[in-house]
């Protein structure tokens, strides 16, 4: 796995949406690549911050539906 592939999987890795094999691949790459580890740490800290700041709030249903509609357009 190269840096580009690792970065592309960071969000799904952080959200625990990868298979065990994919998790192992990402972890192996992170263990050997300081720049990707830095990116991982940054994204993980952003995710924690968003969760802490917005964890209790819920978007209005109309907004959630619009966002979901847009997201379904992408593979």
PDB file of N, CA and C in Angstrom:
ATOM      1  N   UNK A   1       0.858  -1.166   0.000  1.00  0.00           N
ATOM      2  CA  UNK A   1       0.000   0.000   0.000  1.00  0.00           C
ATOM      3  C   UNK A   1       0.907   1.233   0.000  1.00  0.00           C
ATOM      4  N   UNK A   2       0.568   2.202  -0.833  1.00  0.00           N
ATOM      5  CA  UNK A   2       1.354   3.431  -0.891  1.00  0.00           C
ATOM      6  C   UNK A   2       0.647   4.553  -0.128  1.00  0.00           C
ATOM      7  N   UNK A   3       1.284   5.725  -0.099  1.00  0.00           N
ATOM      8  CA  UNK A   3       0.741   6.857   0.663  1.00  0.00           C
ATOM      9  C   UNK A   3      -0.632   7.292   0.139  1.00  0.00           C
ATOM     10  N   UNK A   4      -0.778   7.387  -1.165  1.00  0.00           N
ATOM     11  CA  UNK A   4      -2.052   7.823  -1.737  1.00  0.00           C
ATOM     12  C   UNK A   4      -3.179   6.891  -1.308  1.00  0.00           C
ATOM     13  N   UNK A   5      -2.950   5.593  -1.407  1.00  0.00           N
ATOM     14  CA  UNK A   5      -3.976   4.616  -1.023  1.00  0.00           C
ATOM     15  C   UNK A   5      -4.290   4.700   0.471  1.00  0.00           C
ATOM     16  N   UNK A   6      -3.258   4.908   1.259  1.00  0.00           N
ATOM     17  CA  UNK A   6      -3.461   5.016   2.705  1.00  0.00           C
ATOM     18  C   UNK A   6      -4.300   6.234   3.043  1.00  0.00           C
ATOM     19  N   UNK A   7      -3.945   7.381   2.460  1.00  0.00           N
ATOM     20  CA  UNK A   7      -4.687   8.617   2.730  1.00  0.00           C
ATOM     21  C   UNK A   7      -6.137   8.473   2.279  1.00  0.00           C
ATOM     22  N   UNK A   8      -6.366   7.823   1.149  1.00  0.00           N
ATOM     23  CA  UNK A   8      -7.730   7.618   0.666  1.00  0.00           C
ATOM     24  C   UNK A   8      -8.559   6.786   1.637  1.00  0.00           C
ATOM     25  N   UNK A   9      -7.913   5.935   2.409  1.00  0.00           N
ATOM     26  CA  UNK A   9      -8.632   5.063   3.348  1.00  0.00           C
ATOM     27  C   UNK A   9      -8.674   5.592   4.778  1.00  0.00           C
ATOM     28  N   UNK A  10      -8.033   6.722   5.032  1.00  0.00           N
ATOM     29  CA  UNK A  10      -7.959   7.209   6.408  1.00  0.00           C
ATOM     30  C   UNK A  10      -9.329   7.416   7.044  1.00  0.00           C
ATOM     31  N   UNK A  11     -10.257   8.012   6.310  1.00  0.00           N
ATOM     32  CA  UNK A  11     -11.572   8.291   6.903  1.00  0.00           C
ATOM     33  C   UNK A  11     -12.310   7.004   7.241  1.00  0.00           C
ATOM     34  N   UNK A  12     -12.273   6.040   6.334  1.00  0.00           N
ATOM     35  CA  UNK A  12     -12.947   4.772   6.626  1.00  0.00           C
ATOM     36  C   UNK A  12     -12.202   4.005   7.710  1.00  0.00           C
ATOM     37  N   UNK A  13     -10.886   4.179   7.776  1.00  0.00           N
ATOM     38  CA  UNK A  13     -10.094   3.575   8.850  1.00  0.00           C
ATOM     39  C   UNK A  13     -10.497   4.187  10.187  1.00  0.00           C
ATOM     40  N   UNK A  14     -10.565   5.502  10.249  1.00  0.00           N
ATOM     41  CA  UNK A  14     -10.956   6.187  11.490  1.00  0.00           C
ATOM     42  C   UNK A  14     -12.380   5.850  11.907  1.00  0.00           C
ATOM     43  N   UNK A  15     -13.246   5.623  10.945  1.00  0.00           N
ATOM     44  CA  UNK A  15     -14.647   5.292  11.239  1.00  0.00           C
ATOM     45  C   UNK A  15     -14.858   3.798  11.457  1.00  0.00           C
ATOM     46  N   UNK A  16     -13.780   3.035  11.407  1.00  0.00           N
ATOM     47  CA  UNK A  16     -13.818   1.575  11.606  1.00  0.00           C
ATOM     48  C   UNK A  16     -14.751   0.894  10.615  1.00  0.00           C
ATOM     49  N   UNK A  17     -14.610   1.301   9.353  1.00  0.00           N
ATOM     50  CA  UNK A  17     -15.460   0.745   8.298  1.00  0.00           C
ATOM     51  C   UNK A  17     -14.677  -0.125   7.314  1.00  0.00           C
ATOM     52  N   UNK A  18     -13.458  -0.510   7.663  1.00  0.00           N
ATOM     53  CA  UNK A  18     -12.646  -1.356   6.790  1.00  0.00           C
ATOM     54  C   UNK A  18     -12.688  -2.803   7.271  1.00  0.00           C
ATOM     55  N   UNK A  19     -12.388  -3.694   6.356  1.00  0.00           N
ATOM     56  CA  UNK A  19     -12.268  -5.102   6.742  1.00  0.00           C
ATOM     57  C   UNK A  19     -11.001  -5.283   7.577  1.00  0.00           C
ATOM     58  N   UNK A  20     -10.882  -6.418   8.229  1.00  0.00           N
ATOM     59  CA  UNK A  20      -9.691  -6.698   9.037  1.00  0.00           C
ATOM     60  C   UNK A  20      -8.424  -6.646   8.188  1.00  0.00           C
ATOM     61  N   UNK A  21      -8.500  -7.171   6.979  1.00  0.00           N
ATOM     62  CA  UNK A  21      -7.336  -7.168   6.088  1.00  0.00           C
ATOM     63  C   UNK A  21      -6.945  -5.746   5.703  1.00  0.00           C
ATOM     64  N   UNK A  22      -7.940  -4.905   5.417  1.00  0.00           N
ATOM     65  CA  UNK A  22      -7.656  -3.515   5.055  1.00  0.00           C
ATOM     66  C   UNK A  22      -7.088  -2.740   6.241  1.00  0.00           C
ATOM     67  N   UNK A  23      -7.617  -3.004   7.427  1.00  0.00           N
ATOM     68  CA  UNK A  23      -7.088  -2.354   8.638  1.00  0.00           C
ATOM     69  C   UNK A  23      -5.620  -2.715   8.811  1.00  0.00           C
ATOM     70  N   UNK A  24      -5.297  -3.978   8.630  1.00  0.00           N
ATOM     71  CA  UNK A  24      -3.905  -4.421   8.771  1.00  0.00           C
ATOM     72  C   UNK A  24      -2.999  -3.731   7.754  1.00  0.00           C
ATOM     73  N   UNK A  25      -3.478  -3.573   6.516  1.00  0.00           N
ATOM     74  CA  UNK A  25      -2.692  -2.891   5.488  1.00  0.00           C
ATOM     75  C   UNK A  25      -2.420  -1.440   5.873  1.00  0.00           C
ATOM     76  N   UNK A  26      -3.455  -0.755   6.305  1.00  0.00           N
ATOM     77  CA  UNK A  26      -3.296   0.647   6.689  1.00  0.00           C
ATOM     78  C   UNK A  26      -2.346   0.750   7.878  1.00  0.00           C
ATOM     79  N   UNK A  27      -2.513  -0.102   8.863  1.00  0.00           N
ATOM     80  CA  UNK A  27      -1.649  -0.063  10.042  1.00  0.00           C
ATOM     81  C   UNK A  27      -0.187  -0.317   9.675  1.00  0.00           C
ATOM     82  N   UNK A  28       0.058  -1.277   8.792  1.00  0.00           N
ATOM     83  CA  UNK A  28       1.432  -1.555   8.361  1.00  0.00           C
ATOM     84  C   UNK A  28       2.048  -0.321   7.714  1.00  0.00           C
ATOM     85  N   UNK A  29       1.274   0.321   6.857  1.00  0.00           N
ATOM     86  CA  UNK A  29       1.797   1.508   6.188  1.00  0.00           C
ATOM     87  C   UNK A  29       2.055   2.622   7.203  1.00  0.00           C
ATOM     88  N   UNK A  30       1.125   2.836   8.117  1.00  0.00           N
ATOM     89  CA  UNK A  30       1.294   3.891   9.118  1.00  0.00           C
ATOM     90  C   UNK A  30       2.521   3.647   9.993  1.00  0.00           C
ATOM     91  N   UNK A  31       2.807   2.407  10.299  1.00  0.00           N
ATOM     92  CA  UNK A  31       3.972   2.071  11.123  1.00  0.00           C
ATOM     93  C   UNK A  31       5.283   2.434  10.429  1.00  0.00           C
ATOM     94  N   UNK A  32       5.266   2.477   9.101  1.00  0.00           N
ATOM     95  CA  UNK A  32       6.492   2.707   8.340  1.00  0.00           C
ATOM     96  C   UNK A  32       6.572   4.082   7.691  1.00  0.00           C
ATOM     97  N   UNK A  33       5.542   4.926   7.857  1.00  0.00           N
ATOM     98  CA  UNK A  33       5.500   6.179   7.098  1.00  0.00           C
ATOM     99  C   UNK A  33       5.140   7.363   8.001  1.00  0.00           C
ATOM    100  N   UNK A  34       6.145   8.072   8.501  1.00  0.00           N
ATOM    101  CA  UNK A  34       5.871   9.223   9.378  1.00  0.00           C
ATOM    102  C   UNK A  34       4.950  10.285   8.773  1.00  0.00           C
ATOM    103  N   UNK A  35       5.063  10.648   7.490  1.00  0.00           N
ATOM    104  CA  UNK A  35       4.127  11.649   6.955  1.00  0.00           C
ATOM    105  C   UNK A  35       2.664  11.189   7.016  1.00  0.00           C
ATOM    106  N   UNK A  36       2.420   9.924   6.743  1.00  0.00           N
ATOM    107  CA  UNK A  36       1.048   9.415   6.806  1.00  0.00           C
ATOM    108  C   UNK A  36       0.568   9.334   8.256  1.00  0.00           C
ATOM    109  N   UNK A  37       1.467   9.013   9.177  1.00  0.00           N
ATOM    110  CA  UNK A  37       1.103   8.996  10.594  1.00  0.00           C
ATOM    111  C   UNK A  37       0.697  10.398  11.025  1.00  0.00           C
ATOM    112  N   UNK A  38       1.441  11.400  10.570  1.00  0.00           N
ATOM    113  CA  UNK A  38       1.083  12.785  10.911  1.00  0.00           C
ATOM    114  C   UNK A  38      -0.298  13.134  10.381  1.00  0.00           C
ATOM    115  N   UNK A  39      -0.602  12.731   9.152  1.00  0.00           N
ATOM    116  CA  UNK A  39      -1.918  12.982   8.577  1.00  0.00           C
ATOM    117  C   UNK A  39      -2.989  12.249   9.377  1.00  0.00           C
ATOM    118  N   UNK A  40      -2.722  11.002   9.743  1.00  0.00           N
ATOM    119  CA  UNK A  40      -3.649  10.220  10.552  1.00  0.00           C
ATOM    120  C   UNK A  40      -3.922  10.915  11.889  1.00  0.00           C
ATOM    121  N   UNK A  41      -2.859  11.352  12.560  1.00  0.00           N
ATOM    122  CA  UNK A  41      -3.024  12.017  13.860  1.00  0.00           C
ATOM    123  C   UNK A  41      -3.843  13.294  13.720  1.00  0.00           C
ATOM    124  N   UNK A  42      -3.581  14.051  12.660  1.00  0.00           N
ATOM    125  CA  UNK A  42      -4.340  15.279  12.428  1.00  0.00           C
ATOM    126  C   UNK A  42      -5.816  14.970  12.222  1.00  0.00           C
ATOM    127  N   UNK A  43      -6.117  14.027  11.331  1.00  0.00           N
ATOM    128  CA  UNK A  43      -7.509  13.687  11.038  1.00  0.00           C
ATOM    129  C   UNK A  43      -8.201  13.112  12.270  1.00  0.00           C
ATOM    130  N   UNK A  44      -7.496  12.311  13.050  1.00  0.00           N
ATOM    131  CA  UNK A  44      -8.073  11.747  14.268  1.00  0.00           C
ATOM    132  C   UNK A  44      -8.396  12.853  15.270  1.00  0.00           C
ATOM    133  N   UNK A  45      -7.515  13.861  15.377  1.00  0.00           N
ATOM    134  CA  UNK A  45      -7.776  14.951  16.311  1.00  0.00           C
ATOM    135  C   UNK A  45      -8.952  15.813  15.834  1.00  0.00           C
ATOM    136  N   UNK A  46      -9.083  16.012  14.527  1.00  0.00           N
ATOM    137  CA  UNK A  46     -10.225  16.756  13.993  1.00  0.00           C
ATOM    138  C   UNK A  46     -11.517  15.994  14.294  1.00  0.00           C
ATOM    139  N   UNK A  47     -11.485  14.699  14.093  1.00  0.00           N
ATOM    140  CA  UNK A  47     -12.671  13.876  14.366  1.00  0.00           C
ATOM    141  C   UNK A  47     -13.071  13.963  15.841  1.00  0.00           C
ATOM    142  N   UNK A  48     -12.085  13.905  16.746  1.00  0.00           N
ATOM    143  CA  UNK A  48     -12.383  14.021  18.178  1.00  0.00           C
ATOM    144  C   UNK A  48     -12.961  15.397  18.506  1.00  0.00           C
ATOM    145  N   UNK A  49     -12.388  16.430  17.909  1.00  0.00           N
ATOM    146  CA  UNK A  49     -12.858  17.793  18.153  1.00  0.00           C
ATOM    147  C   UNK A  49     -14.300  17.971  17.684  1.00  0.00           C
ATOM    148  N   UNK A  50     -14.596  17.482  16.500  1.00  0.00           N
ATOM    149  CA  UNK A  50     -15.956  17.588  15.975  1.00  0.00           C
ATOM    150  C   UNK A  50     -16.927  16.824  16.867  1.00  0.00           C
ATOM    151  N   UNK A  51     -16.518  15.651  17.285  1.00  0.00           N
ATOM    152  CA  UNK A  51     -17.394  14.856  18.155  1.00  0.00           C
ATOM    153  C   UNK A  51     -17.645  15.576  19.472  1.00  0.00           C
ATOM    154  N   UNK A  52     -16.589  16.154  20.035  1.00  0.00           N
ATOM    155  CA  UNK A  52     -16.728  16.846  21.310  1.00  0.00           C
ATOM    156  C   UNK A  52     -17.589  18.098  21.174  1.00  0.00           C
ATOM    157  N   UNK A  53     -17.404  18.826  20.084  1.00  0.00           N
ATOM    158  CA  UNK A  53     -18.120  20.096  19.909  1.00  0.00           C
ATOM    159  C   UNK A  53     -19.541  19.915  19.376  1.00  0.00           C
ATOM    160  N   UNK A  54     -19.756  18.861  18.637  1.00  0.00           N
ATOM    161  CA  UNK A  54     -21.052  18.709  17.954  1.00  0.00           C
ATOM    162  C   UNK A  54     -21.745  17.403  18.317  1.00  0.00           C
ATOM    163  N   UNK A  55     -21.255  16.708  19.293  1.00  0.00           N
ATOM    164  CA  UNK A  55     -21.772  15.382  19.609  1.00  0.00           C
ATOM    165  C   UNK A  55     -23.225  15.334  20.004  1.00  0.00           C
ATOM    166  N   UNK A  56     -23.701  16.344  20.666  1.00  0.00           N
ATOM    167  CA  UNK A  56     -25.074  16.324  21.167  1.00  0.00           C
ATOM    168  C   UNK A  56     -26.067  16.978  20.221  1.00  0.00           C
ATOM    169  N   UNK A  57     -25.570  17.712  19.257  1.00  0.00           N
ATOM    170  CA  UNK A  57     -26.470  18.405  18.342  1.00  0.00           C
ATOM    171  C   UNK A  57     -26.873  17.481  17.201  1.00  0.00           C
ATOM    172  N   UNK A  58     -28.056  17.714  16.688  1.00  0.00           N
ATOM    173  CA  UNK A  58     -28.549  16.932  15.555  1.00  0.00           C
ATOM    174  C   UNK A  58     -29.025  17.923  14.497  1.00  0.00           C
ATOM    175  N   UNK A  59     -28.580  17.682  13.271  1.00  0.00           N
ATOM    176  CA  UNK A  59     -28.994  18.543  12.167  1.00  0.00           C
ATOM    177  C   UNK A  59     -30.494  18.373  11.927  1.00  0.00           C
ATOM    178  N   UNK A  60     -31.139  19.421  11.446  1.00  0.00           N
ATOM    179  CA  UNK A  60     -32.565  19.303  11.117  1.00  0.00           C
ATOM    180  C   UNK A  60     -32.779  18.207  10.070  1.00  0.00           C
ATOM    181  N   UNK A  61     -33.910  17.547  10.144  1.00  0.00           N
ATOM    182  CA  UNK A  61     -34.189  16.430   9.234  1.00  0.00           C
ATOM    183  C   UNK A  61     -34.079  16.830   7.769  1.00  0.00           C
ATOM    184  N   UNK A  62     -34.551  18.016   7.407  1.00  0.00           N
ATOM    185  CA  UNK A  62     -34.490  18.450   6.006  1.00  0.00           C
ATOM    186  C   UNK A  62     -33.040  18.553   5.532  1.00  0.00           C
ATOM    187  N   UNK A  63     -32.177  19.074   6.378  1.00  0.00           N
ATOM    188  CA  UNK A  63     -30.761  19.181   6.023  1.00  0.00           C
ATOM    189  C   UNK A  63     -30.133  17.806   5.902  1.00  0.00           C
ATOM    190  N   UNK A  64     -30.430  16.935   6.840  1.00  0.00           N
ATOM    191  CA  UNK A  64     -29.890  15.573   6.797  1.00  0.00           C
ATOM    192  C   UNK A  64     -30.315  14.864   5.517  1.00  0.00           C
ATOM    193  N   UNK A  65     -31.559  15.025   5.124  1.00  0.00           N
ATOM    194  CA  UNK A  65     -32.052  14.393   3.895  1.00  0.00           C
ATOM    195  C   UNK A  65     -31.330  14.938   2.671  1.00  0.00           C
ATOM    196  N   UNK A  66     -31.108  16.261   2.616  1.00  0.00           N
ATOM    197  CA  UNK A  66     -30.395  16.860   1.478  1.00  0.00           C
ATOM    198  C   UNK A  66     -28.961  16.360   1.395  1.00  0.00           C
ATOM    199  N   UNK A  67     -28.293  16.276   2.535  1.00  0.00           N
ATOM    200  CA  UNK A  67     -26.908  15.799   2.567  1.00  0.00           C
ATOM    201  C   UNK A  67     -26.855  14.339   2.131  1.00  0.00           C
ATOM    202  N   UNK A  68     -27.748  13.528   2.642  1.00  0.00           N
ATOM    203  CA  UNK A  68     -27.769  12.125   2.264  1.00  0.00           C
ATOM    204  C   UNK A  68     -28.034  11.944   0.783  1.00  0.00           C
ATOM    205  N   UNK A  69     -28.901  12.771   0.209  1.00  0.00           N
ATOM    206  CA  UNK A  69     -29.201  12.718  -1.225  1.00  0.00           C
ATOM    207  C   UNK A  69     -27.938  13.012  -2.019  1.00  0.00           C
ATOM    208  N   UNK A  70     -27.191  14.027  -1.639  1.00  0.00           N
ATOM    209  CA  UNK A  70     -25.953  14.382  -2.337  1.00  0.00           C
ATOM    210  C   UNK A  70     -24.925  13.259  -2.194  1.00  0.00           C
ATOM    211  N   UNK A  71     -24.793  12.714  -1.006  1.00  0.00           N
ATOM    212  CA  UNK A  71     -23.802  11.660  -0.770  1.00  0.00           C
ATOM    213  C   UNK A  71     -24.116  10.387  -1.569  1.00  0.00           C
ATOM    214  N   UNK A  72     -25.382  10.115  -1.794  1.00  0.00           N
ATOM    215  CA  UNK A  72     -25.751   8.925  -2.568  1.00  0.00           C
ATOM    216  C   UNK A  72     -25.339   9.048  -4.034  1.00  0.00           C
ATOM    217  N   UNK A  73     -25.064  10.239  -4.494  1.00  0.00           N
ATOM    218  CA  UNK A  73     -24.648  10.455  -5.877  1.00  0.00           C
ATOM    219  C   UNK A  73     -23.200  10.024  -6.121  1.00  0.00           C
ATOM    220  N   UNK A  74     -22.440   9.861  -5.044  1.00  0.00           N
ATOM    221  CA  UNK A  74     -21.022   9.507  -5.171  1.00  0.00           C
ATOM    222  C   UNK A  74     -20.820   8.042  -4.823  1.00  0.00           C
ATOM    223  N   UNK A  75     -19.972   7.366  -5.606  1.00  0.00           N
ATOM    224  CA  UNK A  75     -19.734   5.947  -5.324  1.00  0.00           C
ATOM    225  C   UNK A  75     -19.000   5.697  -4.035  1.00  0.00           C
TER     226      UNK A  75
END
